[in-house]
Amino acid sequence: MNSPMTPGATVQTPVPEPLNHPETAAPAAPVSLTRTGSVLHVQLNPSGQDDDVLSSAVLDALIAVLDGLHEQPDVRILVLSSLGEDFCRGADRREFQEALAADPTGATLRRITDKAQRLCQALENTHAVTIARLHGNVIGAGLALAAHFDLRAGADTCRFRMPEVGLGLAPAWGGGMGRLIVEAGAARIRELMLTCEDFDASTAHRLGLLHKVAPLDDLDDTVTAWTRPLARRSPQALVLTKRMLTGYVKAARASDTTLLDSHLLAAQLTQPR
């Protein structure tokens, strides 16, 4: 059982000591956590520009955070942001390639991509109100992840793109297609997925993919304008309202195929090109 975090505490996810390489610095934890009252701030912590991706380690860390909330009902709000240059540049395709090289059957790849579905389901089902604070590039799986948050605020310099078709892949990550269609509508998501066209924050706002747009320097204040009143709301009313909204969103997806995403992606990548 996870022990509750005390308000105001800063918690780093544990990082194992390197074995037999004392001269090598330990890698940065994939996420960092800071709690202030009933608000838990989760920050993606890439070690470099090329690591602004959703690797298996990042997915594991985020799933662990959400699982831990079951024992922390006093956490009412979760805010996700990134310490990197971009919020997220998508799934870790290098990890996919390495998994396929090690296991050409695709079973290892399916285990990795199944984590995306578990994470997105956990976001939909958690009692906490979830807020995504977006900046820089929000690409592919990064957009699919953000779409599963209850509220989304983005810097006016954000750029969005769904590049999967252009990369020869189906957009199958965490049930993102179904969620994006519910949030923004089938017609526009169809266009953006098929054309791989990038779009800006104002377009994302018109589509409903962003609820608020602000200059980057004002983005934290925009998020705080949500968290302060939410922290004062009745916990029971928040949880019940979120459960009702989640139920209606799921009902709007007449066929929930999220569990198929990992199989679809693995089957496609294991085919000879």
Protein backbone atom coordinates (compact mmCIF):
# COMPACT_ATOMS: atom_id res chain seq x y z
CA MET A 1 0.00 0.00 0.00
CA ASN A 2 1.35 3.41 -0.87
CA SER A 3 1.72 5.77 2.06
CA PRO A 4 -0.09 9.09 1.62
CA MET A 5 2.03 12.09 0.70
CA THR A 6 1.90 14.96 3.12
CA PRO A 7 0.73 18.31 1.76
CA GLY A 8 3.58 20.39 0.43
CA ALA A 9 5.91 17.42 0.16
CA THR A 10 8.06 16.84 -2.88
CA VAL A 11 8.45 13.20 -3.84
CA GLN A 12 10.79 11.82 -6.47
CA THR A 13 10.13 8.41 -7.94
CA PRO A 14 12.90 6.06 -6.74
CA VAL A 15 15.83 5.50 -9.05
CA PRO A 16 17.93 2.34 -8.63
CA GLU A 17 21.67 2.74 -8.16
CA PRO A 18 23.72 1.78 -11.25
CA LEU A 19 25.32 -1.63 -11.01
CA ASN A 20 29.06 -2.11 -11.63
CA HIS A 21 29.37 1.37 -13.14
CA PRO A 22 30.17 3.72 -10.24
CA GLU A 23 31.38 6.39 -12.65
CA THR A 24 27.96 6.56 -14.40
CA ALA A 25 25.42 8.98 -12.99
CA ALA A 26 22.02 7.55 -12.13
CA PRO A 27 19.35 8.38 -14.73
CA ALA A 28 16.78 10.98 -13.84
CA ALA A 29 13.46 9.71 -12.51
CA PRO A 30 10.89 9.73 -15.34
CA VAL A 31 8.44 11.85 -13.33
CA SER A 32 8.65 14.12 -10.32
CA LEU A 33 5.83 14.73 -7.86
CA THR A 34 4.96 17.76 -5.76
CA ARG A 35 1.88 17.98 -3.59
CA THR A 36 0.37 21.23 -2.35
CA GLY A 37 -2.74 20.65 -0.28
CA SER A 38 -5.19 18.63 -2.33
CA VAL A 39 -3.33 19.25 -5.62
CA LEU A 40 -0.75 16.77 -6.90
CA HIS A 41 1.60 18.16 -9.55
CA VAL A 42 3.18 15.51 -11.78
CA GLN A 43 5.98 16.58 -14.11
CA LEU A 44 7.40 14.51 -16.91
CA ASN A 45 11.16 14.65 -16.50
CA PRO A 46 12.96 13.91 -19.78
CA SER A 47 16.75 13.71 -19.54
CA GLY A 48 17.20 15.26 -22.99
CA GLN A 49 15.30 16.61 -26.00
CA ASP A 50 15.15 13.17 -27.61
CA ASP A 51 13.52 11.80 -24.45
CA ASP A 52 10.37 13.92 -24.66
CA VAL A 53 8.54 10.69 -25.47
CA LEU A 54 6.28 8.23 -23.68
CA SER A 55 8.68 5.39 -22.98
CA SER A 56 7.73 2.28 -21.05
CA ALA A 57 9.43 3.76 -17.96
CA VAL A 58 7.30 6.92 -18.19
CA LEU A 59 4.11 4.87 -18.60
CA ASP A 60 5.03 2.71 -15.61
CA ALA A 61 5.68 5.80 -13.49
CA LEU A 62 2.39 7.46 -14.43
CA ILE A 63 0.41 4.26 -13.84
CA ALA A 64 2.05 3.95 -10.41
CA VAL A 65 1.03 7.52 -9.55
CA LEU A 66 -2.58 6.91 -10.53
CA ASP A 67 -2.71 3.56 -8.74
CA GLY A 68 -1.38 5.29 -5.63
CA LEU A 69 -4.30 7.72 -5.65
CA HIS A 70 -6.62 4.89 -4.60
CA GLU A 71 -5.10 5.25 -1.13
CA GLN A 72 -5.13 9.06 -1.23
CA PRO A 73 -8.75 10.20 -1.57
CA ASP A 74 -7.75 13.63 -0.24
CA VAL A 75 -5.89 14.30 -3.51
CA ARG A 76 -8.65 16.01 -5.46
CA ILE A 77 -6.71 17.39 -8.44
CA LEU A 78 -3.83 16.04 -10.54
CA VAL A 79 -1.92 18.39 -12.85
CA LEU A 80 0.41 16.92 -15.48
CA SER A 81 3.10 19.06 -17.12
CA SER A 82 6.59 18.51 -18.51
CA LEU A 83 10.04 19.83 -17.64
CA GLY A 84 11.16 19.23 -21.22
CA GLU A 85 11.27 21.57 -24.19
CA ASP A 86 8.02 19.97 -25.37
CA PHE A 87 5.11 18.47 -23.50
CA CYS A 88 5.45 15.21 -25.45
CA ARG A 89 6.67 14.20 -28.89
CA GLY A 90 4.78 10.91 -28.96
CA ALA A 91 5.44 7.26 -28.26
CA ASP A 92 8.98 5.90 -28.01
CA ARG A 93 9.43 4.40 -31.48
CA ARG A 94 13.01 3.39 -30.73
CA GLU A 95 11.70 1.28 -27.87
CA PHE A 96 9.20 -0.31 -30.27
CA GLN A 97 11.99 -1.17 -32.71
CA GLU A 98 14.16 -2.63 -29.95
CA ALA A 99 11.24 -4.71 -28.66
CA LEU A 100 10.58 -6.11 -32.13
CA ALA A 101 14.27 -6.85 -32.66
CA ALA A 102 14.39 -8.78 -29.39
CA ASP A 103 11.03 -10.51 -29.94
CA PRO A 104 9.84 -10.60 -33.58
CA THR A 105 6.55 -12.21 -32.52
CA GLY A 106 5.38 -8.83 -31.22
CA ALA A 107 4.45 -10.15 -27.76
CA THR A 108 6.93 -7.83 -26.00
CA LEU A 109 5.68 -4.88 -28.03
CA ARG A 110 2.08 -5.69 -27.07
CA ARG A 111 3.03 -5.68 -23.39
CA ILE A 112 4.58 -2.23 -23.79
CA THR A 113 1.66 -0.75 -25.71
CA ASP A 114 -0.90 -2.35 -23.39
CA LYS A 115 0.48 0.01 -20.74
CA ALA A 116 -0.87 2.94 -22.75
CA GLN A 117 -4.39 1.54 -22.53
CA ARG A 118 -4.00 0.93 -18.78
CA LEU A 119 -2.77 4.49 -18.25
CA CYS A 120 -5.58 6.10 -20.21
CA GLN A 121 -8.20 3.98 -18.49
CA ALA A 122 -6.72 4.96 -15.12
CA LEU A 123 -7.00 8.63 -16.09
CA GLU A 124 -10.67 8.21 -16.98
CA ASN A 125 -11.43 6.26 -13.80
CA THR A 126 -9.46 8.14 -11.14
CA HIS A 127 -11.46 10.14 -8.61
CA ALA A 128 -9.17 13.16 -9.03
CA VAL A 129 -9.94 15.90 -11.52
CA THR A 130 -7.09 15.73 -14.04
CA ILE A 131 -5.56 18.78 -15.74
CA ALA A 132 -3.02 18.74 -18.59
CA ARG A 133 -0.70 21.77 -18.84
CA LEU A 134 0.61 21.74 -22.40
CA HIS A 135 3.49 23.58 -24.05
CA GLY A 136 5.73 23.16 -27.08
CA ASN A 137 4.96 20.21 -29.32
CA VAL A 138 2.13 17.83 -28.47
CA ILE A 139 2.43 15.02 -30.99
CA GLY A 140 0.83 11.63 -31.61
CA ALA A 141 0.60 9.65 -28.39
CA GLY A 142 1.22 12.88 -26.47
CA LEU A 143 -2.03 14.29 -27.85
CA ALA A 144 -3.84 11.01 -27.20
CA LEU A 145 -2.65 11.15 -23.58
CA ALA A 146 -3.67 14.79 -23.16
CA ALA A 147 -7.13 14.06 -24.58
CA HIS A 148 -7.81 11.73 -21.63
CA PHE A 149 -7.48 14.59 -19.13
CA ASP A 150 -10.58 16.31 -17.82
CA LEU A 151 -9.26 19.81 -18.48
CA ARG A 152 -6.52 20.99 -20.84
CA ALA A 153 -4.71 24.33 -20.88
CA GLY A 154 -2.09 25.11 -23.52
CA ALA A 155 0.42 27.80 -24.30
CA ASP A 156 -0.45 29.90 -27.33
CA THR A 157 2.76 28.63 -28.94
CA CYS A 158 1.72 24.96 -28.79
CA ARG A 159 1.83 22.90 -31.98
CA PHE A 160 -0.20 19.71 -32.39
CA ARG A 161 0.05 16.87 -34.88
CA MET A 162 -1.11 13.30 -35.42
CA PRO A 163 1.70 11.92 -37.63
CA GLU A 164 1.00 8.19 -37.49
CA VAL A 165 -0.39 7.71 -41.01
CA GLY A 166 2.56 9.63 -42.43
CA LEU A 167 4.88 7.26 -40.57
CA GLY A 168 3.09 4.23 -42.01
CA LEU A 169 1.34 3.43 -38.75
CA ALA A 170 -2.25 3.23 -37.58
CA PRO A 171 -3.14 5.74 -34.81
CA ALA A 172 -3.55 2.99 -32.22
CA TRP A 173 -2.33 4.16 -28.81
CA GLY A 174 -4.26 3.99 -25.58
CA GLY A 175 -7.67 4.30 -27.19
CA GLY A 176 -6.75 7.81 -28.31
CA MET A 177 -8.80 7.74 -31.52
CA GLY A 178 -12.10 7.13 -29.72
CA ARG A 179 -11.37 9.74 -27.07
CA LEU A 180 -10.32 12.37 -29.61
CA ILE A 181 -13.46 11.77 -31.66
CA VAL A 182 -15.66 12.21 -28.59
CA GLU A 183 -13.81 15.37 -27.53
CA ALA A 184 -13.45 17.10 -30.93
CA GLY A 185 -15.79 15.38 -33.39
CA ALA A 186 -15.27 12.74 -36.04
CA ALA A 187 -15.07 15.03 -39.07
CA ARG A 188 -12.13 17.14 -37.94
CA ILE A 189 -10.24 14.27 -36.30
CA ARG A 190 -10.65 12.26 -39.51
CA GLU A 191 -9.11 15.11 -41.50
CA LEU A 192 -6.22 15.68 -39.10
CA MET A 193 -5.39 11.98 -38.79
CA LEU A 194 -5.47 11.31 -42.53
CA THR A 195 -3.58 14.44 -43.58
CA CYS A 196 -1.15 14.55 -40.62
CA GLU A 197 -1.52 18.33 -40.78
CA ASP A 198 -0.09 20.22 -37.84
CA PHE A 199 -2.27 22.80 -36.11
CA ASP A 200 -1.87 25.53 -33.55
CA ALA A 201 -3.31 26.28 -30.14
CA SER A 202 -6.16 28.45 -31.44
CA THR A 203 -7.30 25.61 -33.71
CA ALA A 204 -7.05 23.14 -30.84
CA HIS A 205 -9.18 25.51 -28.78
CA ARG A 206 -11.84 25.74 -31.48
CA LEU A 207 -11.92 21.95 -31.71
CA GLY A 208 -12.30 21.53 -27.95
CA LEU A 209 -8.89 19.90 -27.55
CA LEU A 210 -7.87 22.87 -25.40
CA HIS A 211 -10.21 24.47 -22.90
CA LYS A 212 -7.91 27.45 -22.25
CA VAL A 213 -5.11 29.09 -24.22
CA ALA A 214 -2.64 31.50 -22.61
CA PRO A 215 0.82 32.95 -23.19
CA LEU A 216 3.44 30.55 -21.84
CA ASP A 217 4.37 32.92 -19.01
CA ASP A 218 0.74 33.00 -17.88
CA LEU A 219 0.04 29.28 -18.24
CA ASP A 220 0.62 28.44 -14.59
CA ASP A 221 -1.78 31.19 -13.54
CA THR A 222 -4.35 29.76 -15.94
CA VAL A 223 -4.04 26.33 -14.33
CA THR A 224 -4.20 27.86 -10.85
CA ALA A 225 -7.43 29.61 -11.82
CA TRP A 226 -8.88 26.10 -12.12
CA THR A 227 -7.21 24.40 -9.16
CA ARG A 228 -8.08 27.02 -6.53
CA PRO A 229 -11.88 26.81 -6.89
CA LEU A 230 -11.76 23.05 -7.52
CA ALA A 231 -9.90 22.57 -4.22
CA ARG A 232 -12.79 24.32 -2.44
CA ARG A 233 -15.52 22.20 -4.00
CA SER A 234 -17.23 19.38 -2.17
CA PRO A 235 -15.08 16.24 -2.68
CA GLN A 236 -18.21 14.11 -3.01
CA ALA A 237 -19.70 16.42 -5.65
CA LEU A 238 -16.45 16.40 -7.64
CA VAL A 239 -16.13 12.63 -7.60
CA LEU A 240 -19.78 12.03 -8.46
CA THR A 241 -19.73 14.59 -11.29
CA LYS A 242 -16.56 13.11 -12.73
CA ARG A 243 -18.03 9.60 -12.57
CA MET A 244 -21.19 10.80 -14.34
CA LEU A 245 -19.20 12.59 -17.05
CA THR A 246 -17.00 9.55 -17.59
CA GLY A 247 -20.08 7.36 -17.91
CA TYR A 248 -21.58 9.60 -20.59
CA VAL A 249 -18.28 9.78 -22.49
CA LYS A 250 -17.98 6.00 -22.49
CA ALA A 251 -21.62 5.64 -23.52
CA ALA A 252 -20.93 7.90 -26.51
CA ARG A 253 -18.38 5.35 -27.69
CA ALA A 254 -20.83 2.72 -28.85
CA SER A 255 -17.98 0.29 -29.42
CA ASP A 256 -14.96 0.48 -27.09
CA THR A 257 -12.02 -0.99 -28.99
CA THR A 258 -9.24 0.38 -26.79
CA LEU A 259 -8.04 -3.10 -25.85
CA LEU A 260 -7.35 -3.79 -29.52
CA ASP A 261 -4.87 -0.93 -29.97
CA SER A 262 -1.80 -2.84 -28.82
CA HIS A 263 -2.71 -5.83 -30.99
CA LEU A 264 -3.33 -3.63 -34.05
CA LEU A 265 -0.03 -1.79 -33.65
CA ALA A 266 2.00 -4.93 -32.97
CA ALA A 267 0.41 -6.79 -35.88
CA GLN A 268 1.21 -3.94 -38.25
CA LEU A 269 4.80 -3.49 -37.10
CA THR A 270 5.58 -7.21 -37.29
CA GLN A 271 4.56 -7.32 -40.95
CA PRO A 272 7.45 -7.19 -43.43
CA ARG A 273 7.77 -3.84 -45.20
